Amino acid sequence: MAVNLDKCRKTSIHEDAVSDCLDDQLHDTEVLSLSQSFKALADPTRIRILSNLIRRELCVCDLAEILGMTQSAVSHQLRTLRMMRIVKNRREGNTVYYTCDDAHITGLLQLGIDHIKHIE
């Protein structure tokens, strides 16, 4: 018979452990906000965009060229990132430049990059 390693063989609640965790549960709004942040990082195109914006400020044309995508497709992803306040933009004449606007997200992305390089 196979042993299920994901489940206790005998039910016994560790009251101190449960109490420690119950005292500091995330609120539903925090869970939703965190989930949305990770969702933003779960898209391969947005990861590619952000990994370039970590290096330097870039315009839509530059990103489209770097990523081999249309400006429209890049713009769509940037709009999503801007609405989530992960990137910000500035206009210079007819050109719109983008940079990362959230150091926490930048840190998470860099940690993820470091992690994959470590495990490879």
PDB file of N, CA and C in Angstrom:
ATOM      1  N   MET A   1       0.833  -1.172   0.000  1.00  0.00           N
ATOM      2  CA  MET A   1       0.000   0.000   0.000  1.00  0.00           C
ATOM      3  C   MET A   1       0.892   1.255   0.000  1.00  0.00           C
ATOM      4  N   ALA A   2       0.592   2.197  -0.892  1.00  0.00           N
ATOM      5  CA  ALA A   2       1.365   3.424  -0.998  1.00  0.00           C
ATOM      6  C   ALA A   2       1.024   4.367   0.157  1.00  0.00           C
ATOM      7  N   VAL A   3       2.054   5.001   0.691  1.00  0.00           N
ATOM      8  CA  VAL A   3       1.873   5.958   1.783  1.00  0.00           C
ATOM      9  C   VAL A   3       1.695   7.338   1.180  1.00  0.00           C
ATOM     10  N   ASN A   4       0.654   8.051   1.611  1.00  0.00           N
ATOM     11  CA  ASN A   4       0.413   9.415   1.160  1.00  0.00           C
ATOM     12  C   ASN A   4       1.259  10.354   2.013  1.00  0.00           C
ATOM     13  N   LEU A   5       2.316  10.913   1.412  1.00  0.00           N
ATOM     14  CA  LEU A   5       3.226  11.779   2.156  1.00  0.00           C
ATOM     15  C   LEU A   5       2.685  13.183   2.363  1.00  0.00           C
ATOM     16  N   ASP A   6       1.575  13.517   1.708  1.00  0.00           N
ATOM     17  CA  ASP A   6       0.996  14.848   1.830  1.00  0.00           C
ATOM     18  C   ASP A   6      -0.027  14.942   2.949  1.00  0.00           C
ATOM     19  N   LYS A   7      -0.211  13.901   3.698  1.00  0.00           N
ATOM     20  CA  LYS A   7      -1.274  13.840   4.683  1.00  0.00           C
ATOM     21  C   LYS A   7      -0.755  13.165   5.949  1.00  0.00           C
ATOM     22  N   CYS A   8      -1.206  13.647   7.119  1.00  0.00           N
ATOM     23  CA  CYS A   8      -0.842  13.011   8.389  1.00  0.00           C
ATOM     24  C   CYS A   8      -1.489  11.635   8.462  1.00  0.00           C
ATOM     25  N   ARG A   9      -0.771  10.701   9.028  1.00  0.00           N
ATOM     26  CA  ARG A   9      -1.346   9.365   9.216  1.00  0.00           C
ATOM     27  C   ARG A   9      -2.333   9.353  10.379  1.00  0.00           C
ATOM     28  N   LYS A  10      -2.081  10.207  11.338  1.00  0.00           N
ATOM     29  CA  LYS A  10      -2.938  10.285  12.512  1.00  0.00           C
ATOM     30  C   LYS A  10      -3.285  11.754  12.732  1.00  0.00           C
ATOM     31  N   THR A  11      -4.553  12.021  12.957  1.00  0.00           N
ATOM     32  CA  THR A  11      -4.976  13.391  13.184  1.00  0.00           C
ATOM     33  C   THR A  11      -4.690  13.793  14.617  1.00  0.00           C
ATOM     34  N   SER A  12      -3.812  14.784  14.761  1.00  0.00           N
ATOM     35  CA  SER A  12      -3.559  15.365  16.078  1.00  0.00           C
ATOM     36  C   SER A  12      -3.200  16.828  15.842  1.00  0.00           C
ATOM     37  N   ILE A  13      -4.020  17.685  16.360  1.00  0.00           N
ATOM     38  CA  ILE A  13      -3.818  19.125  16.165  1.00  0.00           C
ATOM     39  C   ILE A  13      -2.764  19.626  17.146  1.00  0.00           C
ATOM     40  N   HIS A  14      -1.805  20.387  16.634  1.00  0.00           N
ATOM     41  CA  HIS A  14      -0.771  21.011  17.455  1.00  0.00           C
ATOM     42  C   HIS A  14      -1.269  22.418  17.778  1.00  0.00           C
ATOM     43  N   GLU A  15      -1.918  22.544  18.925  1.00  0.00           N
ATOM     44  CA  GLU A  15      -2.610  23.780  19.305  1.00  0.00           C
ATOM     45  C   GLU A  15      -1.711  25.008  19.246  1.00  0.00           C
ATOM     46  N   ASP A  16      -0.456  24.894  19.700  1.00  0.00           N
ATOM     47  CA  ASP A  16       0.442  26.051  19.695  1.00  0.00           C
ATOM     48  C   ASP A  16       0.764  26.496  18.275  1.00  0.00           C
ATOM     49  N   ALA A  17       0.974  25.565  17.387  1.00  0.00           N
ATOM     50  CA  ALA A  17       1.266  25.902  15.991  1.00  0.00           C
ATOM     51  C   ALA A  17       0.058  26.553  15.327  1.00  0.00           C
ATOM     52  N   VAL A  18      -1.115  25.976  15.555  1.00  0.00           N
ATOM     53  CA  VAL A  18      -2.342  26.527  14.977  1.00  0.00           C
ATOM     54  C   VAL A  18      -2.599  27.916  15.530  1.00  0.00           C
ATOM     55  N   SER A  19      -2.420  28.104  16.824  1.00  0.00           N
ATOM     56  CA  SER A  19      -2.648  29.399  17.475  1.00  0.00           C
ATOM     57  C   SER A  19      -1.701  30.461  16.924  1.00  0.00           C
ATOM     58  N   ASP A  20      -0.415  30.104  16.770  1.00  0.00           N
ATOM     59  CA  ASP A  20       0.568  31.050  16.219  1.00  0.00           C
ATOM     60  C   ASP A  20       0.147  31.548  14.844  1.00  0.00           C
ATOM     61  N   CYS A  21      -0.339  30.656  14.011  1.00  0.00           N
ATOM     62  CA  CYS A  21      -0.726  31.023  12.642  1.00  0.00           C
ATOM     63  C   CYS A  21      -2.046  31.777  12.608  1.00  0.00           C
ATOM     64  N   LEU A  22      -2.997  31.373  13.429  1.00  0.00           N
ATOM     65  CA  LEU A  22      -4.301  32.038  13.435  1.00  0.00           C
ATOM     66  C   LEU A  22      -4.216  33.476  13.920  1.00  0.00           C
ATOM     67  N   ASP A  23      -3.246  33.757  14.777  1.00  0.00           N
ATOM     68  CA  ASP A  23      -3.098  35.102  15.321  1.00  0.00           C
ATOM     69  C   ASP A  23      -2.716  36.132  14.267  1.00  0.00           C
ATOM     70  N   ASP A  24      -2.126  35.699  13.170  1.00  0.00           N
ATOM     71  CA  ASP A  24      -1.602  36.659  12.196  1.00  0.00           C
ATOM     72  C   ASP A  24      -1.958  36.276  10.756  1.00  0.00           C
ATOM     73  N   GLN A  25      -3.200  35.934  10.520  1.00  0.00           N
ATOM     74  CA  GLN A  25      -3.656  35.584   9.170  1.00  0.00           C
ATOM     75  C   GLN A  25      -3.762  36.835   8.299  1.00  0.00           C
ATOM     76  N   LEU A  26      -3.462  36.683   7.020  1.00  0.00           N
ATOM     77  CA  LEU A  26      -3.654  37.783   6.077  1.00  0.00           C
ATOM     78  C   LEU A  26      -5.149  38.035   5.892  1.00  0.00           C
ATOM     79  N   HIS A  27      -5.500  39.305   5.747  1.00  0.00           N
ATOM     80  CA  HIS A  27      -6.893  39.649   5.459  1.00  0.00           C
ATOM     81  C   HIS A  27      -7.193  39.297   4.008  1.00  0.00           C
ATOM     82  N   ASP A  28      -8.452  39.076   3.689  1.00  0.00           N
ATOM     83  CA  ASP A  28      -8.857  38.720   2.323  1.00  0.00           C
ATOM     84  C   ASP A  28      -8.370  39.744   1.309  1.00  0.00           C
ATOM     85  N   THR A  29      -8.424  41.034   1.652  1.00  0.00           N
ATOM     86  CA  THR A  29      -7.977  42.068   0.712  1.00  0.00           C
ATOM     87  C   THR A  29      -6.478  41.962   0.456  1.00  0.00           C
ATOM     88  N   GLU A  30      -5.720  41.593   1.493  1.00  0.00           N
ATOM     89  CA  GLU A  30      -4.273  41.417   1.326  1.00  0.00           C
ATOM     90  C   GLU A  30      -3.971  40.210   0.446  1.00  0.00           C
ATOM     91  N   VAL A  31      -4.708  39.143   0.655  1.00  0.00           N
ATOM     92  CA  VAL A  31      -4.518  37.929  -0.153  1.00  0.00           C
ATOM     93  C   VAL A  31      -4.821  38.235  -1.619  1.00  0.00           C
ATOM     94  N   LEU A  32      -5.904  38.952  -1.872  1.00  0.00           N
ATOM     95  CA  LEU A  32      -6.276  39.291  -3.248  1.00  0.00           C
ATOM     96  C   LEU A  32      -5.229  40.186  -3.896  1.00  0.00           C
ATOM     97  N   SER A  33      -4.769  41.190  -3.172  1.00  0.00           N
ATOM     98  CA  SER A  33      -3.760  42.102  -3.706  1.00  0.00           C
ATOM     99  C   SER A  33      -2.457  41.366  -4.012  1.00  0.00           C
ATOM    100  N   LEU A  34      -2.038  40.505  -3.105  1.00  0.00           N
ATOM    101  CA  LEU A  34      -0.819  39.729  -3.318  1.00  0.00           C
ATOM    102  C   LEU A  34      -0.972  38.790  -4.509  1.00  0.00           C
ATOM    103  N   SER A  35      -2.127  38.173  -4.609  1.00  0.00           N
ATOM    104  CA  SER A  35      -2.405  37.278  -5.731  1.00  0.00           C
ATOM    105  C   SER A  35      -2.324  38.025  -7.057  1.00  0.00           C
ATOM    106  N   GLN A  36      -2.855  39.236  -7.083  1.00  0.00           N
ATOM    107  CA  GLN A  36      -2.812  40.033  -8.320  1.00  0.00           C
ATOM    108  C   GLN A  36      -1.374  40.423  -8.677  1.00  0.00           C
ATOM    109  N   SER A  37      -0.573  40.711  -7.671  1.00  0.00           N
ATOM    110  CA  SER A  37       0.835  41.034  -7.936  1.00  0.00           C
ATOM    111  C   SER A  37       1.563  39.838  -8.544  1.00  0.00           C
ATOM    112  N   PHE A  38       1.347  38.663  -7.967  1.00  0.00           N
ATOM    113  CA  PHE A  38       1.984  37.466  -8.522  1.00  0.00           C
ATOM    114  C   PHE A  38       1.425  37.124  -9.901  1.00  0.00           C
ATOM    115  N   LYS A  39       0.154  37.429 -10.110  1.00  0.00           N
ATOM    116  CA  LYS A  39      -0.448  37.187 -11.428  1.00  0.00           C
ATOM    117  C   LYS A  39       0.248  38.048 -12.486  1.00  0.00           C
ATOM    118  N   ALA A  40       0.577  39.272 -12.118  1.00  0.00           N
ATOM    119  CA  ALA A  40       1.288  40.156 -13.052  1.00  0.00           C
ATOM    120  C   ALA A  40       2.624  39.564 -13.439  1.00  0.00           C
ATOM    121  N   LEU A  41       3.270  38.896 -12.495  1.00  0.00           N
ATOM    122  CA  LEU A  41       4.575  38.294 -12.756  1.00  0.00           C
ATOM    123  C   LEU A  41       4.467  36.905 -13.375  1.00  0.00           C
ATOM    124  N   ALA A  42       3.258  36.382 -13.481  1.00  0.00           N
ATOM    125  CA  ALA A  42       3.063  35.030 -14.021  1.00  0.00           C
ATOM    126  C   ALA A  42       2.996  35.010 -15.542  1.00  0.00           C
ATOM    127  N   ASP A  43       2.968  36.163 -16.168  1.00  0.00           N
ATOM    128  CA  ASP A  43       2.868  36.238 -17.619  1.00  0.00           C
ATOM    129  C   ASP A  43       4.267  36.361 -18.232  1.00  0.00           C
ATOM    130  N   PRO A  44       4.651  35.455 -19.131  1.00  0.00           N
ATOM    131  CA  PRO A  44       6.004  35.496 -19.719  1.00  0.00           C
ATOM    132  C   PRO A  44       6.337  36.818 -20.412  1.00  0.00           C
ATOM    133  N   THR A  45       5.391  37.404 -21.107  1.00  0.00           N
ATOM    134  CA  THR A  45       5.666  38.676 -21.799  1.00  0.00           C
ATOM    135  C   THR A  45       5.937  39.784 -20.797  1.00  0.00           C
ATOM    136  N   ARG A  46       5.139  39.838 -19.734  1.00  0.00           N
ATOM    137  CA  ARG A  46       5.354  40.880 -18.725  1.00  0.00           C
ATOM    138  C   ARG A  46       6.688  40.671 -18.008  1.00  0.00           C
ATOM    139  N   ILE A  47       7.080  39.437 -17.794  1.00  0.00           N
ATOM    140  CA  ILE A  47       8.392  39.180 -17.192  1.00  0.00           C
ATOM    141  C   ILE A  47       9.491  39.698 -18.105  1.00  0.00           C
ATOM    142  N   ARG A  48       9.369  39.431 -19.393  1.00  0.00           N
ATOM    143  CA  ARG A  48      10.387  39.906 -20.347  1.00  0.00           C
ATOM    144  C   ARG A  48      10.437  41.429 -20.371  1.00  0.00           C
ATOM    145  N   ILE A  49       9.275  42.066 -20.349  1.00  0.00           N
ATOM    146  CA  ILE A  49       9.226  43.540 -20.329  1.00  0.00           C
ATOM    147  C   ILE A  49       9.906  44.064 -19.071  1.00  0.00           C
ATOM    148  N   LEU A  50       9.505  43.534 -17.917  1.00  0.00           N
ATOM    149  CA  LEU A  50      10.056  44.020 -16.654  1.00  0.00           C
ATOM    150  C   LEU A  50      11.547  43.742 -16.522  1.00  0.00           C
ATOM    151  N   SER A  51      11.996  42.602 -17.027  1.00  0.00           N
ATOM    152  CA  SER A  51      13.425  42.297 -16.925  1.00  0.00           C
ATOM    153  C   SER A  51      14.259  43.297 -17.717  1.00  0.00           C
ATOM    154  N   ASN A  52      13.687  43.870 -18.757  1.00  0.00           N
ATOM    155  CA  ASN A  52      14.387  44.918 -19.509  1.00  0.00           C
ATOM    156  C   ASN A  52      14.246  46.276 -18.828  1.00  0.00           C
ATOM    157  N   LEU A  53      13.085  46.554 -18.262  1.00  0.00           N
ATOM    158  CA  LEU A  53      12.880  47.839 -17.590  1.00  0.00           C
ATOM    159  C   LEU A  53      13.658  47.935 -16.283  1.00  0.00           C
ATOM    160  N   ILE A  54      14.065  46.800 -15.731  1.00  0.00           N
ATOM    161  CA  ILE A  54      14.945  46.820 -14.557  1.00  0.00           C
ATOM    162  C   ILE A  54      16.286  47.431 -14.946  1.00  0.00           C
ATOM    163  N   ARG A  55      16.726  47.153 -16.173  1.00  0.00           N
ATOM    164  CA  ARG A  55      18.034  47.628 -16.636  1.00  0.00           C
ATOM    165  C   ARG A  55      18.041  49.128 -16.915  1.00  0.00           C
ATOM    166  N   ARG A  56      16.930  49.614 -17.559  1.00  0.00           N
ATOM    167  CA  ARG A  56      16.910  51.024 -17.935  1.00  0.00           C
ATOM    168  C   ARG A  56      15.537  51.435 -18.438  1.00  0.00           C
ATOM    169  N   GLU A  57      15.340  52.713 -18.526  1.00  0.00           N
ATOM    170  CA  GLU A  57      14.119  53.277 -19.094  1.00  0.00           C
ATOM    171  C   GLU A  57      14.093  52.978 -20.593  1.00  0.00           C
ATOM    172  N   LEU A  58      12.929  52.547 -21.084  1.00  0.00           N
ATOM    173  CA  LEU A  58      12.792  52.217 -22.504  1.00  0.00           C
ATOM    174  C   LEU A  58      11.451  52.715 -23.023  1.00  0.00           C
ATOM    175  N   CYS A  59      11.416  53.032 -24.308  1.00  0.00           N
ATOM    176  CA  CYS A  59      10.148  53.413 -24.930  1.00  0.00           C
ATOM    177  C   CYS A  59       9.492  52.168 -25.531  1.00  0.00           C
ATOM    178  N   VAL A  60       8.247  52.309 -25.912  1.00  0.00           N
ATOM    179  CA  VAL A  60       7.485  51.194 -26.476  1.00  0.00           C
ATOM    180  C   VAL A  60       8.184  50.642 -27.720  1.00  0.00           C
ATOM    181  N   CYS A  61       8.693  51.534 -28.561  1.00  0.00           N
ATOM    182  CA  CYS A  61       9.385  51.099 -29.789  1.00  0.00           C
ATOM    183  C   CYS A  61      10.597  50.232 -29.461  1.00  0.00           C
ATOM    184  N   ASP A  62      11.372  50.668 -28.465  1.00  0.00           N
ATOM    185  CA  ASP A  62      12.559  49.905 -28.055  1.00  0.00           C
ATOM    186  C   ASP A  62      12.158  48.523 -27.545  1.00  0.00           C
ATOM    187  N   LEU A  63      11.153  48.482 -26.668  1.00  0.00           N
ATOM    188  CA  LEU A  63      10.701  47.196 -26.122  1.00  0.00           C
ATOM    189  C   LEU A  63      10.190  46.274 -27.219  1.00  0.00           C
ATOM    190  N   ALA A  64       9.444  46.830 -28.165  1.00  0.00           N
ATOM    191  CA  ALA A  64       8.925  46.020 -29.270  1.00  0.00           C
ATOM    192  C   ALA A  64      10.075  45.401 -30.062  1.00  0.00           C
ATOM    193  N   GLU A  65      11.097  46.186 -30.298  1.00  0.00           N
ATOM    194  CA  GLU A  65      12.270  45.693 -31.045  1.00  0.00           C
ATOM    195  C   GLU A  65      13.014  44.623 -30.249  1.00  0.00           C
ATOM    196  N   ILE A  66      13.255  44.879 -28.973  1.00  0.00           N
ATOM    197  CA  ILE A  66      13.969  43.925 -28.116  1.00  0.00           C
ATOM    198  C   ILE A  66      13.229  42.598 -28.039  1.00  0.00           C
ATOM    199  N   LEU A  67      11.895  42.667 -27.876  1.00  0.00           N
ATOM    200  CA  LEU A  67      11.092  41.468 -27.650  1.00  0.00           C
ATOM    201  C   LEU A  67      10.587  40.812 -28.934  1.00  0.00           C
ATOM    202  N   GLY A  68      10.778  41.487 -30.070  1.00  0.00           N
ATOM    203  CA  GLY A  68      10.279  40.932 -31.335  1.00  0.00           C
ATOM    204  C   GLY A  68       8.765  40.892 -31.373  1.00  0.00           C
ATOM    205  N   MET A  69       8.135  41.924 -30.848  1.00  0.00           N
ATOM    206  CA  MET A  69       6.674  42.006 -30.782  1.00  0.00           C
ATOM    207  C   MET A  69       6.213  43.290 -31.456  1.00  0.00           C
ATOM    208  N   THR A  70       4.913  43.373 -31.688  1.00  0.00           N
ATOM    209  CA  THR A  70       4.364  44.615 -32.223  1.00  0.00           C
ATOM    210  C   THR A  70       4.273  45.645 -31.097  1.00  0.00           C
ATOM    211  N   GLN A  71       4.298  46.914 -31.472  1.00  0.00           N
ATOM    212  CA  GLN A  71       4.146  47.975 -30.481  1.00  0.00           C
ATOM    213  C   GLN A  71       2.789  47.870 -29.779  1.00  0.00           C
ATOM    214  N   SER A  72       1.790  47.463 -30.525  1.00  0.00           N
ATOM    215  CA  SER A  72       0.454  47.324 -29.963  1.00  0.00           C
ATOM    216  C   SER A  72       0.423  46.262 -28.858  1.00  0.00           C
ATOM    217  N   ALA A  73       1.073  45.131 -29.102  1.00  0.00           N
ATOM    218  CA  ALA A  73       1.107  44.051 -28.109  1.00  0.00           C
ATOM    219  C   ALA A  73       1.876  44.484 -26.859  1.00  0.00           C
ATOM    220  N   VAL A  74       2.987  45.174 -27.068  1.00  0.00           N
ATOM    221  CA  VAL A  74       3.785  45.661 -25.937  1.00  0.00           C
ATOM    222  C   VAL A  74       2.985  46.701 -25.165  1.00  0.00           C
ATOM    223  N   SER A  75       2.341  47.598 -25.888  1.00  0.00           N
ATOM    224  CA  SER A  75       1.525  48.644 -25.264  1.00  0.00           C
ATOM    225  C   SER A  75       0.423  48.051 -24.387  1.00  0.00           C
ATOM    226  N   HIS A  76      -0.196  46.998 -24.873  1.00  0.00           N
ATOM    227  CA  HIS A  76      -1.259  46.335 -24.116  1.00  0.00           C
ATOM    228  C   HIS A  76      -0.731  45.824 -22.773  1.00  0.00           C
ATOM    229  N   GLN A  77       0.436  45.177 -22.799  1.00  0.00           N
ATOM    230  CA  GLN A  77       1.025  44.654 -21.565  1.00  0.00           C
ATOM    231  C   GLN A  77       1.470  45.788 -20.639  1.00  0.00           C
ATOM    232  N   LEU A  78       2.027  46.840 -21.219  1.00  0.00           N
ATOM    233  CA  LEU A  78       2.446  47.989 -20.411  1.00  0.00           C
ATOM    234  C   LEU A  78       1.250  48.665 -19.744  1.00  0.00           C
ATOM    235  N   ARG A  79       0.141  48.726 -20.433  1.00  0.00           N
ATOM    236  CA  ARG A  79      -1.078  49.309 -19.862  1.00  0.00           C
ATOM    237  C   ARG A  79      -1.498  48.512 -18.622  1.00  0.00           C
ATOM    238  N   THR A  80      -1.448  47.184 -18.731  1.00  0.00           N
ATOM    239  CA  THR A  80      -1.776  46.329 -17.591  1.00  0.00           C
ATOM    240  C   THR A  80      -0.821  46.594 -16.426  1.00  0.00           C
ATOM    241  N   LEU A  81       0.467  46.656 -16.711  1.00  0.00           N
ATOM    242  CA  LEU A  81       1.468  46.908 -15.671  1.00  0.00           C
ATOM    243  C   LEU A  81       1.316  48.304 -15.078  1.00  0.00           C
ATOM    244  N   ARG A  82       0.958  49.275 -15.894  1.00  0.00           N
ATOM    245  CA  ARG A  82       0.756  50.647 -15.413  1.00  0.00           C
ATOM    246  C   ARG A  82      -0.472  50.727 -14.501  1.00  0.00           C
ATOM    247  N   MET A  83      -1.544  50.043 -14.889  1.00  0.00           N
ATOM    248  CA  MET A  83      -2.761  50.047 -14.074  1.00  0.00           C
ATOM    249  C   MET A  83      -2.513  49.402 -12.711  1.00  0.00           C
ATOM    250  N   MET A  84      -1.579  48.474 -12.672  1.00  0.00           N
ATOM    251  CA  MET A  84      -1.225  47.821 -11.407  1.00  0.00           C
ATOM    252  C   MET A  84      -0.143  48.604 -10.653  1.00  0.00           C
ATOM    253  N   ARG A  85       0.256  49.738 -11.198  1.00  0.00           N
ATOM    254  CA  ARG A  85       1.280  50.617 -10.625  1.00  0.00           C
ATOM    255  C   ARG A  85       2.633  49.921 -10.473  1.00  0.00           C
ATOM    256  N   ILE A  86       2.926  49.044 -11.427  1.00  0.00           N
ATOM    257  CA  ILE A  86       4.217  48.346 -11.438  1.00  0.00           C
ATOM    258  C   ILE A  86       5.213  49.116 -12.301  1.00  0.00           C
ATOM    259  N   VAL A  87       4.706  49.773 -13.352  1.00  0.00           N
ATOM    260  CA  VAL A  87       5.545  50.635 -14.186  1.00  0.00           C
ATOM    261  C   VAL A  87       4.920  52.024 -14.232  1.00  0.00           C
ATOM    262  N   LYS A  88       5.740  52.979 -14.568  1.00  0.00           N
ATOM    263  CA  LYS A  88       5.247  54.342 -14.785  1.00  0.00           C
ATOM    264  C   LYS A  88       5.795  54.826 -16.121  1.00  0.00           C
ATOM    265  N   ASN A  89       5.154  55.850 -16.652  1.00  0.00           N
ATOM    266  CA  ASN A  89       5.605  56.368 -17.935  1.00  0.00           C
ATOM    267  C   ASN A  89       5.800  57.869 -17.873  1.00  0.00           C
ATOM    268  N   ARG A  90       6.524  58.343 -18.854  1.00  0.00           N
ATOM    269  CA  ARG A  90       6.689  59.790 -19.043  1.00  0.00           C
ATOM    270  C   ARG A  90       6.752  60.042 -20.533  1.00  0.00           C
ATOM    271  N   ARG A  91       6.184  61.145 -20.928  1.00  0.00           N
ATOM    272  CA  ARG A  91       6.149  61.511 -22.340  1.00  0.00           C
ATOM    273  C   ARG A  91       7.231  62.538 -22.627  1.00  0.00           C
ATOM    274  N   GLU A  92       7.935  62.317 -23.727  1.00  0.00           N
ATOM    275  CA  GLU A  92       8.917  63.272 -24.224  1.00  0.00           C
ATOM    276  C   GLU A  92       8.611  63.476 -25.700  1.00  0.00           C
ATOM    277  N   GLY A  93       7.909  64.538 -26.021  1.00  0.00           N
ATOM    278  CA  GLY A  93       7.451  64.763 -27.393  1.00  0.00           C
ATOM    279  C   GLY A  93       6.444  63.696 -27.774  1.00  0.00           C
ATOM    280  N   ASN A  94       6.739  62.951 -28.839  1.00  0.00           N
ATOM    281  CA  ASN A  94       5.857  61.876 -29.301  1.00  0.00           C
ATOM    282  C   ASN A  94       6.218  60.508 -28.719  1.00  0.00           C
ATOM    283  N   THR A  95       7.229  60.483 -27.877  1.00  0.00           N
ATOM    284  CA  THR A  95       7.727  59.212 -27.351  1.00  0.00           C
ATOM    285  C   THR A  95       7.316  59.040 -25.892  1.00  0.00           C
ATOM    286  N   VAL A  96       6.866  57.829 -25.556  1.00  0.00           N
ATOM    287  CA  VAL A  96       6.508  57.497 -24.174  1.00  0.00           C
ATOM    288  C   VAL A  96       7.537  56.511 -23.641  1.00  0.00           C
ATOM    289  N   TYR A  97       8.183  56.897 -22.542  1.00  0.00           N
ATOM    290  CA  TYR A  97       9.198  56.067 -21.909  1.00  0.00           C
ATOM    291  C   TYR A  97       8.618  55.405 -20.663  1.00  0.00           C
ATOM    292  N   TYR A  98       9.068  54.176 -20.411  1.00  0.00           N
ATOM    293  CA  TYR A  98       8.598  53.411 -19.259  1.00  0.00           C
ATOM    294  C   TYR A  98       9.756  53.026 -18.357  1.00  0.00           C
ATOM    295  N   THR A  99       9.474  52.991 -17.071  1.00  0.00           N
ATOM    296  CA  THR A  99      10.417  52.485 -16.065  1.00  0.00           C
ATOM    297  C   THR A  99       9.626  51.693 -15.026  1.00  0.00           C
ATOM    298  N   CYS A 100      10.337  50.867 -14.273  1.00  0.00           N
ATOM    299  CA  CYS A 100       9.699  50.160 -13.154  1.00  0.00           C
ATOM    300  C   CYS A 100       9.364  51.189 -12.078  1.00  0.00           C
ATOM    301  N   ASP A 101       8.217  51.006 -11.451  1.00  0.00           N
ATOM    302  CA  ASP A 101       7.750  51.971 -10.454  1.00  0.00           C
ATOM    303  C   ASP A 101       7.477  51.322  -9.103  1.00  0.00           C
ATOM    304  N   ASP A 102       7.870  50.082  -8.931  1.00  0.00           N
ATOM    305  CA  ASP A 102       7.590  49.387  -7.684  1.00  0.00           C
ATOM    306  C   ASP A 102       8.816  48.566  -7.297  1.00  0.00           C
ATOM    307  N   ALA A 103       9.555  49.071  -6.332  1.00  0.00           N
ATOM    308  CA  ALA A 103      10.792  48.410  -5.919  1.00  0.00           C
ATOM    309  C   ALA A 103      10.529  47.008  -5.368  1.00  0.00           C
ATOM    310  N   HIS A 104       9.371  46.805  -4.766  1.00  0.00           N
ATOM    311  CA  HIS A 104       9.056  45.478  -4.228  1.00  0.00           C
ATOM    312  C   HIS A 104       8.909  44.453  -5.358  1.00  0.00           C
ATOM    313  N   ILE A 105       8.188  44.838  -6.408  1.00  0.00           N
ATOM    314  CA  ILE A 105       8.001  43.938  -7.552  1.00  0.00           C
ATOM    315  C   ILE A 105       9.342  43.700  -8.242  1.00  0.00           C
ATOM    316  N   THR A 106      10.129  44.756  -8.369  1.00  0.00           N
ATOM    317  CA  THR A 106      11.462  44.617  -8.959  1.00  0.00           C
ATOM    318  C   THR A 106      12.297  43.638  -8.141  1.00  0.00           C
ATOM    319  N   GLY A 107      12.215  43.751  -6.820  1.00  0.00           N
ATOM    320  CA  GLY A 107      12.938  42.839  -5.945  1.00  0.00           C
ATOM    321  C   GLY A 107      12.469  41.398  -6.093  1.00  0.00           C
ATOM    322  N   LEU A 108      11.143  41.210  -6.168  1.00  0.00           N
ATOM    323  CA  LEU A 108      10.601  39.863  -6.370  1.00  0.00           C
ATOM    324  C   LEU A 108      11.085  39.269  -7.689  1.00  0.00           C
ATOM    325  N   LEU A 109      11.050  40.090  -8.735  1.00  0.00           N
ATOM    326  CA  LEU A 109      11.501  39.620 -10.044  1.00  0.00           C
ATOM    327  C   LEU A 109      12.982  39.246  -9.994  1.00  0.00           C
ATOM    328  N   GLN A 110      13.792  40.093  -9.363  1.00  0.00           N
ATOM    329  CA  GLN A 110      15.223  39.807  -9.272  1.00  0.00           C
ATOM    330  C   GLN A 110      15.475  38.552  -8.444  1.00  0.00           C
ATOM    331  N   LEU A 111      14.716  38.371  -7.357  1.00  0.00           N
ATOM    332  CA  LEU A 111      14.837  37.140  -6.565  1.00  0.00           C
ATOM    333  C   LEU A 111      14.491  35.914  -7.407  1.00  0.00           C
ATOM    334  N   GLY A 112      13.445  36.037  -8.218  1.00  0.00           N
ATOM    335  CA  GLY A 112      13.056  34.930  -9.096  1.00  0.00           C
ATOM    336  C   GLY A 112      14.141  34.607 -10.106  1.00  0.00           C
ATOM    337  N   ILE A 113      14.734  35.648 -10.682  1.00  0.00           N
ATOM    338  CA  ILE A 113      15.823  35.456 -11.652  1.00  0.00           C
ATOM    339  C   ILE A 113      17.010  34.785 -10.968  1.00  0.00           C
ATOM    340  N   ASP A 114      17.366  35.277  -9.781  1.00  0.00           N
ATOM    341  CA  ASP A 114      18.473  34.676  -9.030  1.00  0.00           C
ATOM    342  C   ASP A 114      18.173  33.215  -8.709  1.00  0.00           C
ATOM    343  N   HIS A 115      16.938  32.944  -8.355  1.00  0.00           N
ATOM    344  CA  HIS A 115      16.530  31.578  -8.007  1.00  0.00           C
ATOM    345  C   HIS A 115      16.691  30.618  -9.192  1.00  0.00           C
ATOM    346  N   ILE A 116      16.196  31.021 -10.370  1.00  0.00           N
ATOM    347  CA  ILE A 116      16.291  30.106 -11.513  1.00  0.00           C
ATOM    348  C   ILE A 116      17.733  29.899 -11.949  1.00  0.00           C
ATOM    349  N   LYS A 117      18.552  30.929 -11.797  1.00  0.00           N
ATOM    350  CA  LYS A 117      19.973  30.771 -12.140  1.00  0.00           C
ATOM    351  C   LYS A 117      20.665  29.865 -11.141  1.00  0.00           C
ATOM    352  N   HIS A 118      20.207  29.895  -9.888  1.00  0.00           N
ATOM    353  CA  HIS A 118      20.784  29.053  -8.849  1.00  0.00           C
ATOM    354  C   HIS A 118      20.442  27.573  -9.045  1.00  0.00           C
ATOM    355  N   ILE A 119      19.195  27.284  -9.458  1.00  0.00           N
ATOM    356  CA  ILE A 119      18.778  25.883  -9.567  1.00  0.00           C
ATOM    357  C   ILE A 119      19.156  25.247 -10.895  1.00  0.00           C
ATOM    358  N   GLU A 120      19.560  26.051 -11.874  1.00  0.00           N
ATOM    359  CA  GLU A 120      19.921  25.486 -13.188  1.00  0.00           C
ATOM    360  C   GLU A 120      21.298  24.890 -13.182  1.00  0.00           C
TER     361      GLU A 120
END
